[in-house]
């Protein structure tokens, strides 16, 4: 598996204390993404300007703390990362053997307190579907609690359900045209997968990342509530997440422009109002 980040986190990525694996690759292009280094399946060179050394590149792609990525595209040797190990430049991911990952998780099982376990997120974890399914099966065989954070687009997502203890799914927009506009993909399969998960999976958590100018209008809130009420079961909980720009610097480190503006910020009062509307609609709100 291609893993671009891992570490322990408490409650934000599933119940209890969890070992969280961020898998490389995503099929969406959300401009607010807080983990842009995980977007490209083939990975990206991540730089830190203050540590970027010109001498690690024989092609002179590094000048004055900046990486000329056009030169990098024709480079096959990548001596900057294969011959040198510096803090200034690295490939976004590392290859991890699936058996080694399972062994690592098992060896850390004493850390899975308060109902914790292992979470797979991204990027979009289902981009590496076969490897993900293999590891989920092996972890469940070891009786380790598993969680998956997913955008819900994969055609075969249901095959994972028996091996996922907690399923966490994004619902960014209910309108398909708007969803295509802001993420680059349709939400038709997402809505189908959410409905199916609510019907058959024992533990489903639906999250709305609330972003100004994208999905925070009264009309969109009404669409969310109508959809959520149609899937309201005891096994389903809901949450609203407030937009942040914690990933802004990462975009620059990947050589990309961060395109979100101040309009994307949503007031705490608006977030509170949406959370209260969910609860008042008879839906289970769960804050993580």
Protein backbone atom coordinates (compact mmCIF):
# COMPACT_ATOMS: atom_id res chain seq x y z
CA UNK A 1 0.00 0.00 0.00
CA UNK A 2 1.08 3.58 -0.58
CA UNK A 3 0.89 5.40 2.77
CA UNK A 4 1.58 9.13 2.99
CA UNK A 5 0.97 9.60 6.70
CA UNK A 6 0.33 7.49 9.78
CA UNK A 7 0.02 8.05 13.49
CA UNK A 8 -2.25 7.81 16.51
CA UNK A 9 -5.27 10.05 16.95
CA UNK A 10 -7.99 10.04 19.57
CA UNK A 11 -11.68 9.98 18.56
CA UNK A 12 -11.48 12.23 15.48
CA UNK A 13 -11.03 9.32 13.06
CA UNK A 14 -13.29 6.80 14.73
CA UNK A 15 -13.97 5.63 18.27
CA UNK A 16 -11.25 5.72 20.91
CA UNK A 17 -7.51 5.80 20.36
CA UNK A 18 -6.67 4.82 16.80
CA UNK A 19 -3.75 4.09 14.53
CA UNK A 20 -4.62 6.08 11.41
CA UNK A 21 -3.23 5.29 7.95
CA UNK A 22 -3.57 7.90 5.21
CA UNK A 23 -3.51 6.15 1.83
CA UNK A 24 -2.15 7.84 -1.28
CA UNK A 25 -4.49 8.79 -4.11
CA UNK A 26 -7.91 10.42 -4.48
CA UNK A 27 -10.44 10.55 -7.30
CA UNK A 28 -11.76 13.95 -6.21
CA UNK A 29 -10.18 17.35 -6.69
CA UNK A 30 -11.62 19.33 -3.78
CA UNK A 31 -9.87 22.73 -3.63
CA UNK A 32 -10.26 22.86 0.18
CA UNK A 33 -8.47 19.52 0.76
CA UNK A 34 -6.33 19.57 3.91
CA UNK A 35 -4.14 16.69 2.68
CA UNK A 36 -3.28 17.71 -0.91
CA UNK A 37 -0.09 15.65 -0.85
CA UNK A 38 -2.32 12.57 -0.85
CA UNK A 39 -4.35 13.50 -3.94
CA UNK A 40 -2.23 12.15 -6.81
CA UNK A 41 -2.07 8.32 -6.91
CA UNK A 42 1.48 8.55 -8.26
CA UNK A 43 2.51 10.86 -5.45
CA UNK A 44 4.09 14.31 -5.51
CA UNK A 45 7.40 15.83 -4.47
CA UNK A 46 6.85 17.78 -1.27
CA UNK A 47 9.31 20.56 -0.45
CA UNK A 48 10.17 22.74 2.53
CA UNK A 49 11.74 25.93 1.22
CA UNK A 50 14.02 26.65 4.15
CA UNK A 51 15.59 23.18 3.92
CA UNK A 52 15.70 22.85 0.12
CA UNK A 53 19.32 22.33 -1.01
CA UNK A 54 20.37 23.09 -4.60
CA UNK A 55 23.11 20.44 -4.58
CA UNK A 56 20.68 17.50 -4.32
CA UNK A 57 19.55 18.02 -7.94
CA UNK A 58 22.14 17.51 -10.72
CA UNK A 59 19.66 18.99 -13.23
CA UNK A 60 19.61 22.31 -11.38
CA UNK A 61 15.86 22.19 -10.82
CA UNK A 62 16.32 23.78 -7.40
CA UNK A 63 17.10 27.48 -7.38
CA UNK A 64 16.66 30.00 -4.55
CA UNK A 65 14.54 27.68 -2.45
CA UNK A 66 12.18 26.83 -5.29
CA UNK A 67 11.70 23.59 -7.24
CA UNK A 68 11.20 23.96 -11.00
CA UNK A 69 8.75 21.09 -11.44
CA UNK A 70 8.79 21.24 -15.24
CA UNK A 71 12.38 19.98 -15.09
CA UNK A 72 11.32 17.25 -12.65
CA UNK A 73 8.74 15.83 -15.05
CA UNK A 74 11.40 14.55 -17.44
CA UNK A 75 13.62 13.20 -14.65
CA UNK A 76 13.71 9.44 -14.12
CA UNK A 77 16.61 9.13 -11.68
CA UNK A 78 15.17 11.37 -8.96
CA UNK A 79 18.52 11.59 -7.23
CA UNK A 80 17.08 14.27 -4.96
CA UNK A 81 15.21 11.53 -3.06
CA UNK A 82 16.93 8.27 -4.11
CA UNK A 83 20.51 9.35 -3.50
CA UNK A 84 19.93 12.05 -0.88
CA UNK A 85 17.82 12.11 2.26
CA UNK A 86 17.07 15.65 3.32
CA UNK A 87 14.28 17.47 5.10
CA UNK A 88 13.87 19.79 2.13
CA UNK A 89 12.39 17.38 -0.42
CA UNK A 90 10.62 14.03 -0.26
CA UNK A 91 8.16 11.85 -2.13
CA UNK A 92 4.73 12.14 -0.53
CA UNK A 93 4.28 8.41 0.17
CA UNK A 94 6.10 5.27 1.24
CA UNK A 95 5.32 1.75 0.02
CA UNK A 96 4.20 -0.51 2.86
CA UNK A 97 3.78 -4.27 2.60
CA UNK A 98 0.24 -5.23 3.62
CA UNK A 99 1.41 -8.02 5.94
CA UNK A 100 3.83 -5.60 7.60
CA UNK A 101 1.00 -3.13 8.13
CA UNK A 102 -1.17 -5.79 9.77
CA UNK A 103 1.74 -6.89 11.95
CA UNK A 104 2.33 -3.28 13.00
CA UNK A 105 -1.32 -2.86 13.92
CA UNK A 106 -1.39 -6.08 15.95
CA UNK A 107 1.79 -5.10 17.80
CA UNK A 108 0.13 -1.80 18.78
CA UNK A 109 -3.17 -3.34 19.88
CA UNK A 110 -2.62 -2.42 23.55
CA UNK A 111 -2.89 1.22 22.45
CA UNK A 112 -6.41 0.75 21.10
CA UNK A 113 -8.15 1.84 24.30
CA UNK A 114 -11.69 3.26 24.64
CA UNK A 115 -12.88 1.13 21.73
CA UNK A 116 -10.06 2.17 19.43
CA UNK A 117 -8.44 0.37 16.54
CA UNK A 118 -7.22 1.08 13.03
CA UNK A 119 -8.59 3.71 10.64
CA UNK A 120 -7.96 4.03 6.91
CA UNK A 121 -8.41 7.44 5.35
CA UNK A 122 -6.75 9.47 2.62
CA UNK A 123 -6.57 10.81 0.12
CA UNK A 124 -9.33 8.36 -0.63
CA UNK A 125 -8.53 4.92 0.79
CA UNK A 126 -10.68 3.03 -1.73
CA UNK A 127 -8.42 4.16 -4.59
CA UNK A 128 -6.23 1.26 -3.37
CA UNK A 129 -9.28 -0.99 -3.14
CA UNK A 130 -7.82 -4.49 -3.42
CA UNK A 131 -5.07 -3.79 -0.89
CA UNK A 132 -7.54 -2.09 1.44
CA UNK A 133 -9.99 -5.00 1.33
CA UNK A 134 -7.17 -7.49 1.97
CA UNK A 135 -5.94 -5.60 5.04
CA UNK A 136 -9.44 -5.03 6.43
CA UNK A 137 -10.11 -8.78 6.29
CA UNK A 138 -6.85 -9.57 8.07
CA UNK A 139 -7.40 -6.97 10.79
CA UNK A 140 -10.91 -8.21 11.50
CA UNK A 141 -9.55 -11.77 11.69
CA UNK A 142 -7.30 -10.41 14.46
CA UNK A 143 -10.40 -8.94 16.13
CA UNK A 144 -9.15 -5.38 15.67
CA UNK A 145 -11.76 -2.64 15.41
CA UNK A 146 -11.59 -1.07 11.94
CA UNK A 147 -12.84 2.25 10.61
CA UNK A 148 -12.93 3.63 7.09
CA UNK A 149 -13.22 7.31 6.19
CA UNK A 150 -14.38 7.49 2.58
CA UNK A 151 -15.93 9.83 0.02
CA UNK A 152 -18.26 6.96 -0.87
CA UNK A 153 -17.62 6.86 -4.62
CA UNK A 154 -16.28 3.33 -5.09
CA UNK A 155 -18.52 0.96 -7.05
CA UNK A 156 -17.53 -2.00 -4.86
CA UNK A 157 -17.66 -0.25 -1.48
CA UNK A 158 -20.30 -2.64 -0.15
CA UNK A 159 -17.80 -5.52 -0.36
CA UNK A 160 -15.89 -3.86 2.48
CA UNK A 161 -18.91 -3.52 4.80
CA UNK A 162 -18.51 -6.87 6.62
CA UNK A 163 -14.92 -5.96 7.55
CA UNK A 164 -15.55 -2.36 8.68
CA UNK A 165 -16.56 -1.81 12.30
CA UNK A 166 -17.29 1.90 11.81
CA UNK A 167 -18.03 3.46 8.43
CA UNK A 168 -17.46 7.23 8.16
CA UNK A 169 -18.72 8.83 4.94
CA UNK A 170 -18.62 12.37 3.59
CA UNK A 171 -21.72 14.01 2.16
CA UNK A 172 -20.43 17.21 0.57
CA UNK A 173 -23.41 18.20 -1.59
CA UNK A 174 -26.76 16.67 -2.46
CA UNK A 175 -27.04 18.30 -5.88
CA UNK A 176 -25.14 16.32 -8.52
CA UNK A 177 -24.29 19.28 -10.76
CA UNK A 178 -22.86 21.26 -7.85
CA UNK A 179 -20.98 18.21 -6.65
CA UNK A 180 -19.36 17.81 -10.06
CA UNK A 181 -18.50 21.51 -10.10
CA UNK A 182 -16.65 21.52 -6.78
CA UNK A 183 -15.18 17.99 -6.59
CA UNK A 184 -14.84 16.94 -10.22
CA UNK A 185 -16.99 13.80 -9.83
CA UNK A 186 -20.67 12.87 -9.70
CA UNK A 187 -22.37 12.15 -6.38
CA UNK A 188 -24.89 9.64 -7.78
CA UNK A 189 -22.94 6.60 -6.55
CA UNK A 190 -22.13 8.38 -3.28
CA UNK A 191 -25.81 8.86 -2.50
CA UNK A 192 -26.51 5.23 -3.43
CA UNK A 193 -23.70 4.00 -1.18
CA UNK A 194 -24.84 6.16 1.73
CA UNK A 195 -28.40 4.84 1.40
CA UNK A 196 -27.13 1.26 1.22
CA UNK A 197 -24.82 1.75 4.19
CA UNK A 198 -27.66 3.20 6.26
CA UNK A 199 -29.76 0.17 5.34
CA UNK A 200 -27.28 -2.64 6.06
CA UNK A 201 -24.24 -1.43 8.02
CA UNK A 202 -24.46 -1.41 11.84
CA UNK A 203 -22.43 1.77 12.45
CA UNK A 204 -22.52 4.66 9.96
CA UNK A 205 -21.38 8.22 10.57
CA UNK A 206 -22.18 10.89 7.95
CA UNK A 207 -20.11 14.08 7.87
CA UNK A 208 -20.77 17.38 6.11
CA UNK A 209 -17.70 19.59 5.66
CA UNK A 210 -19.40 23.00 5.74
CA UNK A 211 -17.71 25.41 3.33
CA UNK A 212 -18.75 28.97 2.59
CA UNK A 213 -19.91 29.56 -0.99
CA UNK A 214 -20.03 25.81 -1.61
CA UNK A 215 -22.68 24.14 0.57
CA UNK A 216 -23.66 26.54 3.37
CA UNK A 217 -26.80 28.17 1.92
CA UNK A 218 -30.32 27.73 3.34
CA UNK A 219 -31.28 25.81 0.21
CA UNK A 220 -28.41 23.36 0.61
CA UNK A 221 -29.13 22.91 4.30
CA UNK A 222 -32.72 22.01 3.41
CA UNK A 223 -31.45 19.46 0.86
CA UNK A 224 -29.12 17.89 3.44
CA UNK A 225 -31.88 17.60 6.05
CA UNK A 226 -34.35 16.06 3.60
CA UNK A 227 -31.78 13.49 2.52
CA UNK A 228 -30.69 12.72 6.08
CA UNK A 229 -34.28 12.20 7.22
CA UNK A 230 -34.73 9.67 4.40
CA UNK A 231 -31.89 7.53 5.80
CA UNK A 232 -32.56 8.14 9.48
CA UNK A 233 -32.02 4.91 11.38
CA UNK A 234 -30.62 4.04 14.82
CA UNK A 235 -27.34 2.94 13.22
CA UNK A 236 -26.71 6.33 11.56
CA UNK A 237 -25.21 9.47 13.13
CA UNK A 238 -24.47 12.86 11.61
CA UNK A 239 -21.88 15.61 12.06
CA UNK A 240 -21.09 19.06 10.62
CA UNK A 241 -17.42 20.03 10.29
CA UNK A 242 -16.38 23.68 10.04
CA UNK A 243 -14.09 24.71 7.17
CA UNK A 244 -10.46 25.33 8.05
CA UNK A 245 -7.36 26.06 6.01
CA UNK A 246 -4.88 23.89 7.94
CA UNK A 247 -3.72 22.39 4.65
CA UNK A 248 -2.96 25.70 2.94
CA UNK A 249 0.81 25.52 3.39
CA UNK A 250 0.82 21.92 2.12
CA UNK A 251 -0.61 23.09 -1.21
CA UNK A 252 2.37 25.40 -1.61
CA UNK A 253 4.77 22.62 -0.60
CA UNK A 254 3.32 20.48 -3.41
CA UNK A 255 3.86 23.30 -5.91
CA UNK A 256 0.17 24.21 -6.24
CA UNK A 257 -1.84 27.34 -5.59
CA UNK A 258 -4.37 27.28 -2.77
CA UNK A 259 -7.51 28.66 -4.39
CA UNK A 260 -9.88 28.99 -1.44
CA UNK A 261 -10.68 32.56 -0.37
CA UNK A 262 -12.03 34.16 2.80
CA UNK A 263 -15.54 33.38 1.53
CA UNK A 264 -14.94 29.74 2.44
CA UNK A 265 -14.89 30.51 6.16
CA UNK A 266 -18.18 29.74 7.90
CA UNK A 267 -19.13 31.41 11.16
CA UNK A 268 -19.38 29.40 14.33
CA UNK A 269 -22.98 30.60 14.64
CA UNK A 270 -23.86 29.14 11.22
CA UNK A 271 -22.26 25.80 12.11
CA UNK A 272 -24.13 25.76 15.43
CA UNK A 273 -27.42 26.52 13.66
CA UNK A 274 -26.91 23.60 11.24
CA UNK A 275 -26.01 21.24 14.08
CA UNK A 276 -29.13 22.25 15.98
CA UNK A 277 -31.26 21.82 12.85
CA UNK A 278 -30.02 18.25 12.54
CA UNK A 279 -30.91 17.45 16.15
CA UNK A 280 -34.30 19.20 15.87
CA UNK A 281 -35.09 17.04 12.81
CA UNK A 282 -34.93 13.93 15.00
CA UNK A 283 -31.50 12.90 13.70
CA UNK A 284 -28.67 11.65 15.91
CA UNK A 285 -25.90 14.20 16.08
CA UNK A 286 -22.48 12.90 17.13
CA UNK A 287 -19.55 15.25 17.57
CA UNK A 288 -16.06 13.78 17.13
